[in-house]
N, C-alpha and C. Protein backbone atom coordinates (compact mmCIF):
# COMPACT_ATOMS: atom_id res chain seq x y z
N MET A 1 -7.98 -8.76 0.42
CA MET A 1 -8.38 -7.37 0.42
C MET A 1 -7.14 -6.49 0.46
N THR A 2 -7.08 -5.47 -0.39
CA THR A 2 -5.83 -4.77 -0.54
C THR A 2 -5.84 -3.30 -0.18
N GLU A 3 -6.97 -2.63 -0.23
CA GLU A 3 -6.97 -1.19 0.00
C GLU A 3 -7.00 -0.84 1.48
N ALA A 4 -7.63 -1.68 2.28
CA ALA A 4 -7.68 -1.43 3.71
C ALA A 4 -7.76 -2.75 4.43
N GLN A 5 -7.32 -2.76 5.67
CA GLN A 5 -7.36 -3.98 6.44
C GLN A 5 -8.78 -4.28 6.88
N GLN A 6 -9.06 -5.58 7.05
CA GLN A 6 -10.36 -5.96 7.55
C GLN A 6 -10.46 -5.57 9.01
N PRO A 7 -11.64 -5.21 9.47
CA PRO A 7 -11.79 -4.86 10.88
C PRO A 7 -11.49 -6.05 11.76
N THR A 8 -10.94 -5.76 12.95
CA THR A 8 -10.63 -6.82 13.90
C THR A 8 -11.92 -7.48 14.36
N VAL A 9 -11.89 -8.80 14.46
CA VAL A 9 -13.04 -9.55 14.91
C VAL A 9 -12.81 -10.00 16.35
N PHE A 10 -13.74 -9.70 17.24
CA PHE A 10 -13.62 -10.08 18.64
C PHE A 10 -14.61 -11.20 18.93
N ASP A 11 -14.26 -12.07 19.90
CA ASP A 11 -15.18 -13.16 20.23
C ASP A 11 -16.36 -12.61 21.03
N SER A 12 -17.38 -13.45 21.20
CA SER A 12 -18.63 -12.99 21.80
C SER A 12 -18.45 -12.52 23.24
N ASP A 13 -17.59 -13.22 24.02
CA ASP A 13 -17.35 -12.81 25.40
C ASP A 13 -16.70 -11.43 25.46
N GLN A 14 -15.73 -11.21 24.57
CA GLN A 14 -15.06 -9.91 24.53
C GLN A 14 -16.05 -8.81 24.15
N GLN A 15 -16.90 -9.09 23.17
CA GLN A 15 -17.89 -8.11 22.74
C GLN A 15 -18.84 -7.76 23.87
N LEU A 16 -19.27 -8.77 24.60
CA LEU A 16 -20.22 -8.56 25.70
C LEU A 16 -19.59 -7.71 26.80
N LEU A 17 -18.39 -8.10 27.23
CA LEU A 17 -17.70 -7.35 28.27
C LEU A 17 -17.31 -5.95 27.80
N ALA A 18 -16.93 -5.86 26.54
CA ALA A 18 -16.56 -4.55 25.98
C ALA A 18 -17.72 -3.59 26.07
N GLY A 19 -18.92 -4.07 25.79
CA GLY A 19 -20.10 -3.22 25.87
C GLY A 19 -20.32 -2.69 27.27
N VAL A 20 -20.14 -3.57 28.27
CA VAL A 20 -20.33 -3.17 29.68
C VAL A 20 -19.31 -2.11 30.07
N TYR A 21 -18.03 -2.41 29.81
CA TYR A 21 -16.96 -1.49 30.19
C TYR A 21 -17.05 -0.16 29.43
N ALA A 22 -17.28 -0.23 28.13
CA ALA A 22 -17.31 0.99 27.31
C ALA A 22 -18.46 1.90 27.74
N ARG A 23 -19.62 1.32 28.02
CA ARG A 23 -20.76 2.14 28.45
C ARG A 23 -20.48 2.80 29.80
N ALA A 24 -19.80 2.07 30.68
CA ALA A 24 -19.45 2.65 31.98
C ALA A 24 -18.50 3.84 31.80
N LEU A 25 -17.50 3.67 30.94
CA LEU A 25 -16.53 4.73 30.69
C LEU A 25 -17.20 5.93 30.02
N MET A 26 -18.06 5.67 29.05
CA MET A 26 -18.74 6.76 28.37
C MET A 26 -19.67 7.51 29.33
N GLY A 27 -20.23 6.77 30.29
CA GLY A 27 -21.07 7.41 31.30
C GLY A 27 -20.27 8.41 32.12
N VAL A 28 -19.05 8.02 32.47
CA VAL A 28 -18.16 8.93 33.21
C VAL A 28 -17.86 10.15 32.35
N GLY A 29 -17.60 9.92 31.07
CA GLY A 29 -17.30 11.02 30.16
C GLY A 29 -18.46 11.98 30.03
N GLN A 30 -19.67 11.44 29.93
CA GLN A 30 -20.86 12.30 29.82
C GLN A 30 -21.05 13.12 31.09
N LYS A 31 -20.82 12.49 32.21
CA LYS A 31 -20.99 13.18 33.50
C LYS A 31 -20.01 14.34 33.63
N ASN A 32 -18.78 14.13 33.15
CA ASN A 32 -17.73 15.13 33.29
C ASN A 32 -17.57 16.03 32.05
N GLY A 33 -18.38 15.75 31.02
CA GLY A 33 -18.28 16.54 29.79
C GLY A 33 -16.97 16.33 29.06
N SER A 34 -16.44 15.10 29.14
CA SER A 34 -15.13 14.83 28.55
C SER A 34 -15.14 13.61 27.62
N VAL A 35 -16.28 13.36 26.99
CA VAL A 35 -16.41 12.17 26.14
C VAL A 35 -15.37 12.17 25.02
N ASP A 36 -15.24 13.28 24.31
CA ASP A 36 -14.29 13.35 23.20
C ASP A 36 -12.87 13.03 23.66
N GLN A 37 -12.47 13.64 24.78
CA GLN A 37 -11.13 13.44 25.31
C GLN A 37 -10.91 11.98 25.72
N ILE A 38 -11.90 11.40 26.38
CA ILE A 38 -11.78 10.02 26.85
C ILE A 38 -11.63 9.07 25.67
N VAL A 39 -12.45 9.25 24.64
CA VAL A 39 -12.37 8.36 23.47
C VAL A 39 -11.02 8.51 22.77
N ASP A 40 -10.56 9.74 22.63
CA ASP A 40 -9.25 9.97 22.00
C ASP A 40 -8.13 9.32 22.80
N GLU A 41 -8.16 9.47 24.10
CA GLU A 41 -7.11 8.91 24.95
C GLU A 41 -7.15 7.39 24.94
N LEU A 42 -8.33 6.82 25.03
CA LEU A 42 -8.45 5.36 25.02
C LEU A 42 -7.97 4.79 23.69
N THR A 43 -8.33 5.46 22.60
CA THR A 43 -7.88 5.02 21.27
C THR A 43 -6.35 5.04 21.19
N ALA A 44 -5.74 6.08 21.74
CA ALA A 44 -4.28 6.19 21.74
C ALA A 44 -3.65 5.09 22.57
N VAL A 45 -4.25 4.79 23.72
CA VAL A 45 -3.72 3.72 24.59
C VAL A 45 -3.79 2.37 23.88
N VAL A 46 -4.92 2.08 23.26
CA VAL A 46 -5.08 0.82 22.53
C VAL A 46 -4.00 0.70 21.44
N SER A 47 -3.77 1.79 20.73
CA SER A 47 -2.76 1.79 19.67
C SER A 47 -1.36 1.51 20.22
N VAL A 48 -1.01 2.16 21.32
CA VAL A 48 0.31 1.97 21.93
C VAL A 48 0.47 0.53 22.42
N VAL A 49 -0.53 0.03 23.10
CA VAL A 49 -0.47 -1.34 23.64
C VAL A 49 -0.30 -2.35 22.51
N ASN A 50 -1.03 -2.16 21.41
CA ASN A 50 -0.94 -3.09 20.29
C ASN A 50 0.42 -3.05 19.60
N GLU A 51 1.12 -1.93 19.73
CA GLU A 51 2.44 -1.80 19.10
C GLU A 51 3.56 -2.38 19.96
N LEU A 52 3.23 -2.78 21.19
CA LEU A 52 4.23 -3.33 22.12
C LEU A 52 3.79 -4.72 22.58
N PRO A 53 4.07 -5.75 21.77
CA PRO A 53 3.58 -7.11 22.06
C PRO A 53 3.94 -7.64 23.44
N LYS A 54 5.16 -7.40 23.91
CA LYS A 54 5.57 -7.91 25.23
C LYS A 54 4.81 -7.20 26.35
N PHE A 55 4.67 -5.90 26.21
CA PHE A 55 3.91 -5.11 27.17
C PHE A 55 2.46 -5.58 27.20
N LYS A 56 1.89 -5.79 26.03
CA LYS A 56 0.50 -6.24 25.90
C LYS A 56 0.32 -7.62 26.53
N ALA A 57 1.26 -8.53 26.24
CA ALA A 57 1.17 -9.89 26.77
C ALA A 57 1.24 -9.89 28.29
N THR A 58 2.07 -9.02 28.85
CA THR A 58 2.20 -8.94 30.31
C THR A 58 0.90 -8.45 30.94
N LEU A 59 0.32 -7.41 30.37
CA LEU A 59 -0.92 -6.86 30.91
C LEU A 59 -2.09 -7.84 30.78
N GLU A 60 -2.03 -8.71 29.78
CA GLU A 60 -3.10 -9.67 29.56
C GLU A 60 -2.89 -10.98 30.30
N SER A 61 -1.67 -11.23 30.76
CA SER A 61 -1.34 -12.52 31.37
C SER A 61 -2.04 -12.72 32.72
N PRO A 62 -2.71 -13.86 32.92
CA PRO A 62 -3.35 -14.14 34.22
C PRO A 62 -2.31 -14.50 35.29
N ARG A 63 -1.06 -14.73 34.88
CA ARG A 63 -0.02 -15.11 35.84
C ARG A 63 0.67 -13.89 36.46
N VAL A 64 0.48 -12.73 35.88
CA VAL A 64 1.09 -11.51 36.42
C VAL A 64 0.14 -10.88 37.44
N PRO A 65 0.60 -10.64 38.67
CA PRO A 65 -0.26 -10.05 39.71
C PRO A 65 -0.84 -8.71 39.27
N ALA A 66 -2.07 -8.45 39.68
CA ALA A 66 -2.76 -7.22 39.30
C ALA A 66 -2.00 -5.98 39.75
N GLU A 67 -1.39 -6.04 40.93
CA GLU A 67 -0.67 -4.86 41.42
C GLU A 67 0.52 -4.52 40.53
N ASN A 68 1.14 -5.55 39.95
CA ASN A 68 2.24 -5.30 39.01
C ASN A 68 1.73 -4.60 37.75
N LYS A 69 0.58 -5.04 37.29
CA LYS A 69 -0.01 -4.44 36.09
C LYS A 69 -0.37 -2.98 36.36
N VAL A 70 -0.91 -2.71 37.53
CA VAL A 70 -1.29 -1.34 37.88
C VAL A 70 -0.06 -0.44 37.90
N ARG A 71 1.06 -0.94 38.44
CA ARG A 71 2.29 -0.15 38.46
C ARG A 71 2.78 0.13 37.04
N MET A 72 2.67 -0.87 36.17
CA MET A 72 3.06 -0.69 34.77
C MET A 72 2.20 0.37 34.09
N ILE A 73 0.91 0.33 34.36
CA ILE A 73 -0.02 1.30 33.77
C ILE A 73 0.30 2.70 34.27
N ASP A 74 0.57 2.82 35.56
CA ASP A 74 0.94 4.12 36.13
C ASP A 74 2.20 4.67 35.46
N SER A 75 3.18 3.79 35.30
CA SER A 75 4.45 4.20 34.72
C SER A 75 4.31 4.60 33.26
N ALA A 76 3.50 3.83 32.51
CA ALA A 76 3.38 4.06 31.07
C ALA A 76 2.43 5.21 30.73
N PHE A 77 1.34 5.33 31.47
CA PHE A 77 0.29 6.28 31.07
C PHE A 77 -0.05 7.34 32.12
N GLY A 78 0.55 7.26 33.29
CA GLY A 78 0.18 8.15 34.39
C GLY A 78 0.20 9.62 34.06
N SER A 79 1.19 10.05 33.29
CA SER A 79 1.30 11.48 32.97
C SER A 79 0.79 11.81 31.58
N LYS A 80 0.20 10.82 30.91
CA LYS A 80 -0.19 11.02 29.50
C LYS A 80 -1.69 10.99 29.26
N VAL A 81 -2.45 10.48 30.21
CA VAL A 81 -3.90 10.42 30.03
C VAL A 81 -4.59 11.03 31.25
N SER A 82 -5.87 11.29 31.11
CA SER A 82 -6.64 11.87 32.20
C SER A 82 -6.80 10.87 33.34
N LYS A 83 -7.17 11.41 34.50
CA LYS A 83 -7.38 10.56 35.67
C LYS A 83 -8.47 9.52 35.41
N ASP A 84 -9.52 9.94 34.70
CA ASP A 84 -10.63 9.01 34.43
C ASP A 84 -10.16 7.81 33.61
N VAL A 85 -9.40 8.06 32.55
CA VAL A 85 -8.91 6.96 31.71
C VAL A 85 -7.90 6.12 32.46
N LEU A 86 -7.02 6.75 33.24
CA LEU A 86 -6.02 6.02 34.01
C LEU A 86 -6.69 5.08 35.01
N ASN A 87 -7.68 5.60 35.74
CA ASN A 87 -8.40 4.76 36.70
C ASN A 87 -9.15 3.64 36.01
N PHE A 88 -9.69 3.93 34.83
CA PHE A 88 -10.41 2.91 34.06
C PHE A 88 -9.47 1.78 33.66
N LEU A 89 -8.28 2.13 33.18
CA LEU A 89 -7.30 1.11 32.79
C LEU A 89 -6.92 0.23 33.98
N LYS A 90 -6.81 0.84 35.15
CA LYS A 90 -6.47 0.09 36.36
C LYS A 90 -7.59 -0.88 36.74
N VAL A 91 -8.83 -0.42 36.59
CA VAL A 91 -9.98 -1.29 36.87
C VAL A 91 -9.96 -2.50 35.94
N VAL A 92 -9.73 -2.26 34.65
CA VAL A 92 -9.68 -3.35 33.66
C VAL A 92 -8.56 -4.33 34.02
N ALA A 93 -7.41 -3.80 34.45
CA ALA A 93 -6.29 -4.65 34.82
C ALA A 93 -6.61 -5.46 36.08
N ASN A 94 -7.20 -4.80 37.07
CA ASN A 94 -7.55 -5.49 38.31
C ASN A 94 -8.57 -6.61 38.09
N LYS A 95 -9.44 -6.40 37.10
CA LYS A 95 -10.45 -7.41 36.78
C LYS A 95 -9.88 -8.52 35.89
N GLY A 96 -8.63 -8.36 35.48
CA GLY A 96 -8.01 -9.38 34.61
C GLY A 96 -8.61 -9.42 33.22
N ARG A 97 -9.07 -8.27 32.70
CA ARG A 97 -9.71 -8.25 31.40
C ARG A 97 -9.02 -7.32 30.43
N PHE A 98 -7.70 -7.20 30.54
CA PHE A 98 -6.99 -6.35 29.59
C PHE A 98 -7.01 -6.93 28.19
N ASP A 99 -7.36 -8.22 28.07
CA ASP A 99 -7.49 -8.83 26.74
C ASP A 99 -8.68 -8.24 25.98
N CYS A 100 -9.55 -7.54 26.69
CA CYS A 100 -10.74 -6.93 26.07
C CYS A 100 -10.51 -5.47 25.70
N LEU A 101 -9.30 -4.95 25.95
CA LEU A 101 -9.08 -3.51 25.79
C LEU A 101 -9.37 -3.05 24.36
N ALA A 102 -8.89 -3.79 23.36
CA ALA A 102 -9.13 -3.39 21.97
C ALA A 102 -10.62 -3.38 21.65
N ALA A 103 -11.35 -4.39 22.15
CA ALA A 103 -12.79 -4.44 21.93
C ALA A 103 -13.50 -3.30 22.64
N ILE A 104 -13.01 -2.95 23.84
CA ILE A 104 -13.59 -1.83 24.58
C ILE A 104 -13.38 -0.53 23.80
N GLY A 105 -12.17 -0.36 23.26
CA GLY A 105 -11.87 0.83 22.48
C GLY A 105 -12.77 0.95 21.25
N ALA A 106 -12.93 -0.18 20.54
CA ALA A 106 -13.78 -0.17 19.34
C ALA A 106 -15.23 0.13 19.69
N THR A 107 -15.69 -0.43 20.81
CA THR A 107 -17.08 -0.18 21.23
C THR A 107 -17.27 1.26 21.67
N ALA A 108 -16.27 1.82 22.34
CA ALA A 108 -16.35 3.21 22.78
C ALA A 108 -16.46 4.15 21.57
N ILE A 109 -15.69 3.86 20.54
CA ILE A 109 -15.75 4.68 19.32
C ILE A 109 -17.14 4.58 18.69
N LYS A 110 -17.69 3.37 18.66
CA LYS A 110 -19.01 3.16 18.08
C LYS A 110 -20.08 3.92 18.88
N LEU A 111 -20.00 3.84 20.20
CA LEU A 111 -20.96 4.55 21.04
C LEU A 111 -20.82 6.06 20.87
N HIS A 112 -19.59 6.51 20.77
CA HIS A 112 -19.33 7.94 20.57
C HIS A 112 -19.95 8.42 19.26
N ASP A 113 -19.79 7.61 18.21
CA ASP A 113 -20.37 7.96 16.91
C ASP A 113 -21.89 8.01 16.99
N GLU A 114 -22.48 7.04 17.69
CA GLU A 114 -23.94 7.01 17.83
C GLU A 114 -24.44 8.26 18.56
N MET A 115 -23.71 8.65 19.59
CA MET A 115 -24.09 9.84 20.36
C MET A 115 -24.01 11.10 19.51
N ALA A 116 -23.06 11.11 18.57
CA ALA A 116 -22.85 12.29 17.72
C ALA A 116 -23.64 12.20 16.42
N GLY A 117 -24.46 11.15 16.26
CA GLY A 117 -25.24 11.01 15.04
C GLY A 117 -24.42 10.57 13.86
N ARG A 118 -23.32 9.84 14.13
CA ARG A 118 -22.48 9.31 13.06
C ARG A 118 -22.62 7.80 13.00
N VAL A 119 -22.32 7.24 11.84
CA VAL A 119 -22.35 5.80 11.68
C VAL A 119 -21.19 5.36 10.79
N GLU A 120 -20.58 4.23 11.13
CA GLU A 120 -19.49 3.69 10.33
C GLU A 120 -20.05 2.76 9.26
N ALA A 121 -19.52 2.84 8.05
CA ALA A 121 -19.95 1.96 6.96
C ALA A 121 -18.73 1.53 6.16
N THR A 122 -18.85 0.39 5.50
CA THR A 122 -17.75 -0.14 4.69
C THR A 122 -18.23 -0.35 3.26
N LEU A 123 -17.50 0.21 2.32
CA LEU A 123 -17.78 0.04 0.90
C LEU A 123 -16.77 -0.94 0.33
N THR A 124 -17.23 -2.08 -0.15
CA THR A 124 -16.35 -3.09 -0.73
C THR A 124 -16.56 -3.15 -2.23
N THR A 125 -15.47 -3.02 -2.97
CA THR A 125 -15.53 -3.05 -4.43
C THR A 125 -14.45 -3.98 -4.97
N ALA A 126 -14.59 -4.38 -6.23
CA ALA A 126 -13.63 -5.30 -6.84
C ALA A 126 -12.31 -4.61 -7.14
N SER A 127 -12.32 -3.30 -7.32
CA SER A 127 -11.11 -2.52 -7.59
C SER A 127 -11.26 -1.17 -6.90
N PRO A 128 -10.15 -0.45 -6.69
CA PRO A 128 -10.22 0.84 -6.00
C PRO A 128 -11.19 1.80 -6.69
N VAL A 129 -11.91 2.57 -5.89
CA VAL A 129 -12.86 3.54 -6.43
C VAL A 129 -12.33 4.96 -6.20
N GLU A 130 -12.76 5.88 -7.03
CA GLU A 130 -12.35 7.26 -6.89
C GLU A 130 -13.05 7.90 -5.68
N ASP A 131 -12.42 8.94 -5.16
CA ASP A 131 -13.00 9.63 -4.01
C ASP A 131 -14.40 10.15 -4.31
N SER A 132 -14.62 10.58 -5.55
CA SER A 132 -15.92 11.12 -5.92
C SER A 132 -17.02 10.07 -5.80
N VAL A 133 -16.69 8.82 -6.18
CA VAL A 133 -17.66 7.73 -6.07
C VAL A 133 -17.94 7.43 -4.60
N ARG A 134 -16.88 7.36 -3.81
CA ARG A 134 -17.03 7.09 -2.38
C ARG A 134 -17.87 8.19 -1.71
N ASP A 135 -17.63 9.42 -2.12
CA ASP A 135 -18.39 10.54 -1.54
C ASP A 135 -19.87 10.45 -1.92
N GLN A 136 -20.15 10.03 -3.16
CA GLN A 136 -21.53 9.89 -3.60
C GLN A 136 -22.25 8.81 -2.79
N VAL A 137 -21.56 7.69 -2.57
CA VAL A 137 -22.15 6.60 -1.79
C VAL A 137 -22.41 7.06 -0.36
N ALA A 138 -21.44 7.76 0.22
CA ALA A 138 -21.59 8.25 1.59
C ALA A 138 -22.76 9.23 1.70
N LYS A 139 -22.88 10.10 0.71
CA LYS A 139 -23.96 11.08 0.71
C LYS A 139 -25.33 10.41 0.60
N LYS A 140 -25.41 9.39 -0.27
CA LYS A 140 -26.68 8.68 -0.44
C LYS A 140 -27.06 7.94 0.85
N LEU A 141 -26.07 7.30 1.47
CA LEU A 141 -26.33 6.59 2.72
C LEU A 141 -26.76 7.55 3.82
N SER A 142 -26.11 8.71 3.87
CA SER A 142 -26.47 9.71 4.87
C SER A 142 -27.92 10.13 4.73
N GLY A 143 -28.36 10.26 3.46
CA GLY A 143 -29.75 10.63 3.21
C GLY A 143 -30.72 9.55 3.64
N VAL A 144 -30.33 8.29 3.41
CA VAL A 144 -31.19 7.16 3.78
C VAL A 144 -31.25 6.98 5.29
N LEU A 145 -30.09 7.08 5.95
CA LEU A 145 -29.99 6.79 7.38
C LEU A 145 -30.26 7.99 8.27
N GLY A 146 -30.17 9.18 7.68
CA GLY A 146 -30.36 10.38 8.47
C GLY A 146 -29.22 10.63 9.44
N LYS A 147 -28.03 10.13 9.10
CA LYS A 147 -26.85 10.29 9.95
C LYS A 147 -25.64 10.60 9.08
N THR A 148 -24.62 11.17 9.70
CA THR A 148 -23.36 11.37 9.01
C THR A 148 -22.67 10.02 8.87
N VAL A 149 -22.25 9.67 7.67
CA VAL A 149 -21.65 8.36 7.41
C VAL A 149 -20.14 8.49 7.21
N ASN A 150 -19.39 7.77 8.03
CA ASN A 150 -17.94 7.65 7.83
C ASN A 150 -17.72 6.37 7.01
N LEU A 151 -17.40 6.54 5.74
CA LEU A 151 -17.33 5.40 4.83
C LEU A 151 -15.89 4.95 4.62
N ARG A 152 -15.64 3.68 4.95
CA ARG A 152 -14.32 3.07 4.77
C ARG A 152 -14.35 2.23 3.51
N SER A 153 -13.32 2.36 2.67
CA SER A 153 -13.29 1.65 1.40
C SER A 153 -12.37 0.44 1.47
N VAL A 154 -12.85 -0.69 0.97
CA VAL A 154 -12.12 -1.95 0.97
C VAL A 154 -12.18 -2.57 -0.42
N VAL A 155 -11.08 -3.17 -0.87
CA VAL A 155 -11.04 -3.85 -2.17
C VAL A 155 -11.06 -5.36 -1.97
N ASP A 156 -11.96 -6.03 -2.67
CA ASP A 156 -12.06 -7.49 -2.62
C ASP A 156 -12.36 -7.99 -4.03
N PRO A 157 -11.36 -8.47 -4.78
CA PRO A 157 -11.55 -8.93 -6.16
C PRO A 157 -12.58 -10.05 -6.30
N GLU A 158 -12.85 -10.76 -5.21
CA GLU A 158 -13.76 -11.90 -5.28
C GLU A 158 -15.19 -11.50 -5.58
N ILE A 159 -15.55 -10.24 -5.36
CA ILE A 159 -16.94 -9.86 -5.66
C ILE A 159 -17.14 -9.58 -7.16
N ILE A 160 -16.05 -9.64 -7.94
CA ILE A 160 -16.05 -9.50 -9.40
C ILE A 160 -16.32 -8.06 -9.84
N GLY A 161 -17.40 -7.49 -9.44
CA GLY A 161 -17.73 -6.11 -9.85
C GLY A 161 -18.84 -5.56 -9.00
N GLY A 162 -19.20 -4.32 -9.25
CA GLY A 162 -20.25 -3.71 -8.46
C GLY A 162 -19.72 -3.30 -7.10
N MET A 163 -20.61 -3.24 -6.11
CA MET A 163 -20.19 -2.83 -4.78
C MET A 163 -21.08 -3.44 -3.71
N VAL A 164 -20.51 -3.60 -2.52
CA VAL A 164 -21.25 -4.08 -1.37
C VAL A 164 -21.03 -3.07 -0.25
N VAL A 165 -22.12 -2.58 0.34
CA VAL A 165 -22.02 -1.62 1.42
C VAL A 165 -22.57 -2.26 2.70
N ARG A 166 -21.76 -2.22 3.76
CA ARG A 166 -22.18 -2.77 5.05
C ARG A 166 -22.27 -1.65 6.07
N VAL A 167 -23.42 -1.58 6.73
CA VAL A 167 -23.62 -0.64 7.83
C VAL A 167 -24.05 -1.46 9.03
N GLY A 168 -23.14 -1.66 9.96
CA GLY A 168 -23.44 -2.52 11.10
C GLY A 168 -23.69 -3.94 10.62
N ASP A 169 -24.86 -4.47 10.95
CA ASP A 169 -25.23 -5.83 10.52
C ASP A 169 -26.03 -5.84 9.22
N THR A 170 -26.25 -4.66 8.65
CA THR A 170 -27.04 -4.56 7.42
C THR A 170 -26.13 -4.48 6.21
N VAL A 171 -26.41 -5.31 5.19
CA VAL A 171 -25.60 -5.34 3.97
C VAL A 171 -26.47 -4.91 2.80
N TYR A 172 -25.99 -3.91 2.06
CA TYR A 172 -26.64 -3.46 0.83
C TYR A 172 -25.77 -4.01 -0.30
N ASP A 173 -26.22 -5.10 -0.91
CA ASP A 173 -25.39 -5.82 -1.87
C ASP A 173 -25.80 -5.52 -3.30
N GLY A 174 -24.92 -4.82 -4.03
CA GLY A 174 -25.17 -4.54 -5.43
C GLY A 174 -24.08 -5.14 -6.30
N SER A 175 -23.39 -6.16 -5.79
CA SER A 175 -22.27 -6.75 -6.51
C SER A 175 -22.73 -7.65 -7.65
N VAL A 176 -21.84 -7.89 -8.60
CA VAL A 176 -22.13 -8.79 -9.71
C VAL A 176 -22.38 -10.20 -9.19
N VAL A 177 -21.60 -10.61 -8.19
CA VAL A 177 -21.78 -11.95 -7.62
C VAL A 177 -23.19 -12.11 -7.10
N ASN A 178 -23.67 -11.10 -6.39
CA ASN A 178 -25.02 -11.18 -5.85
C ASN A 178 -26.05 -11.26 -6.95
N ARG A 179 -25.85 -10.45 -8.02
CA ARG A 179 -26.81 -10.48 -9.13
C ARG A 179 -26.77 -11.84 -9.84
N LEU A 180 -25.56 -12.41 -10.00
CA LEU A 180 -25.46 -13.73 -10.63
C LEU A 180 -26.16 -14.79 -9.79
N GLN A 181 -26.01 -14.68 -8.47
CA GLN A 181 -26.67 -15.64 -7.58
C GLN A 181 -28.18 -15.51 -7.69
N GLN A 182 -28.66 -14.27 -7.82
CA GLN A 182 -30.10 -14.06 -7.97
C GLN A 182 -30.60 -14.63 -9.28
N VAL A 183 -29.84 -14.42 -10.37
CA VAL A 183 -30.21 -14.96 -11.68
C VAL A 183 -30.24 -16.48 -11.63
N ARG A 184 -29.20 -17.05 -10.99
CA ARG A 184 -29.13 -18.50 -10.89
C ARG A 184 -30.31 -19.05 -10.09
N ALA A 185 -30.65 -18.38 -9.00
CA ALA A 185 -31.76 -18.82 -8.17
C ALA A 185 -33.07 -18.77 -8.95
N LYS A 186 -33.26 -17.71 -9.77
CA LYS A 186 -34.47 -17.59 -10.57
C LYS A 186 -34.53 -18.69 -11.63
N ALA A 187 -33.36 -19.01 -12.22
CA ALA A 187 -33.30 -20.06 -13.24
C ALA A 187 -33.65 -21.41 -12.64
N VAL A 188 -33.12 -21.67 -11.45
CA VAL A 188 -33.43 -22.94 -10.77
C VAL A 188 -34.91 -23.02 -10.45
N LYS A 189 -35.48 -21.89 -10.02
CA LYS A 189 -36.90 -21.88 -9.68
C LYS A 189 -37.75 -22.14 -10.92
N ARG A 190 -37.39 -21.52 -12.05
CA ARG A 190 -38.13 -21.75 -13.29
C ARG A 190 -38.07 -23.21 -13.70
N ALA A 191 -36.87 -23.79 -13.58
CA ALA A 191 -36.72 -25.21 -13.95
C ALA A 191 -37.54 -26.10 -13.03
N SER A 192 -37.52 -25.77 -11.74
CA SER A 192 -38.29 -26.56 -10.77
C SER A 192 -39.79 -26.45 -11.05
N ASP A 193 -40.23 -25.23 -11.38
CA ASP A 193 -41.65 -25.03 -11.67
C ASP A 193 -42.06 -25.81 -12.92
N ALA A 194 -41.16 -25.81 -13.93
CA ALA A 194 -41.46 -26.52 -15.17
C ALA A 194 -41.57 -28.02 -14.91
N ILE A 195 -40.66 -28.56 -14.14
CA ILE A 195 -40.68 -30.00 -13.82
C ILE A 195 -41.93 -30.33 -13.02
N ARG A 196 -42.26 -29.47 -12.06
CA ARG A 196 -43.44 -29.72 -11.23
C ARG A 196 -44.71 -29.70 -12.09
N GLU A 197 -44.75 -28.77 -13.08
CA GLU A 197 -45.90 -28.68 -13.96
C GLU A 197 -46.04 -29.94 -14.80
N GLN A 198 -44.92 -30.46 -15.31
CA GLN A 198 -44.96 -31.69 -16.11
C GLN A 198 -45.43 -32.86 -15.26
N LEU A 199 -44.94 -32.94 -14.02
CA LEU A 199 -45.35 -34.03 -13.13
C LEU A 199 -46.83 -33.95 -12.80
N ASP A 200 -47.30 -32.70 -12.63
CA ASP A 200 -48.73 -32.53 -12.35
C ASP A 200 -49.57 -33.02 -13.52
N ARG A 201 -49.11 -32.69 -14.77
CA ARG A 201 -49.85 -33.14 -15.95
C ARG A 201 -49.83 -34.66 -16.06
N PHE A 202 -48.65 -35.24 -15.77
CA PHE A 202 -48.49 -36.70 -15.83
C PHE A 202 -49.43 -37.39 -14.82
N ALA A 203 -49.53 -36.75 -13.65
CA ALA A 203 -50.35 -37.36 -12.60
C ALA A 203 -51.82 -37.30 -12.97
N GLN A 204 -52.20 -36.36 -13.85
CA GLN A 204 -53.60 -36.21 -14.23
C GLN A 204 -54.01 -37.15 -15.36
N VAL A 205 -53.02 -37.79 -16.01
CA VAL A 205 -53.32 -38.71 -17.11
C VAL A 205 -53.90 -40.01 -16.56
N ASP A 206 -55.03 -40.42 -17.12
CA ASP A 206 -55.67 -41.68 -16.67
C ASP A 206 -54.91 -42.87 -17.22
């Protein structure tokens, strides 16, 4: 894939814990009326941590005492994020689950979008598409889903042609590969039906 990177894939444990932590953080944001700020700050923290491999490895290491991690978090983010986000990061560190931070950030963004009536979607095509085409697809999806669609474009030559749109776990497949597979499946079914019909006739012969 060449136009955009594939989304990060998290394991099931990370996804499960991310949901718990993200919902707790979003609850704090809703209570304080600071959801937008919290999501923006958490996204920035995730980005910074991912850009510093040694820092990230230290915060994720089970061999580093929690109090050391808390001091590092205070030093790195104490004056740059809100008290709510800072305390949240310390809780994650104390629980030894900083390895879930990226998953928590991704889940928080998803929850934020749901609260705002937005949905993320991915348009996969065999070659880059023009902005006008992407806008048309986004508009059509918005009409179908009744939500604002943030459409991300990805190029994958393996689909040959056409397009595949994914919204969450739902795939709208209009690719040439999919159509060829459907044609092939119909051809196999016709052949199977023809053979079965011949066998039925043969079985009826005395």
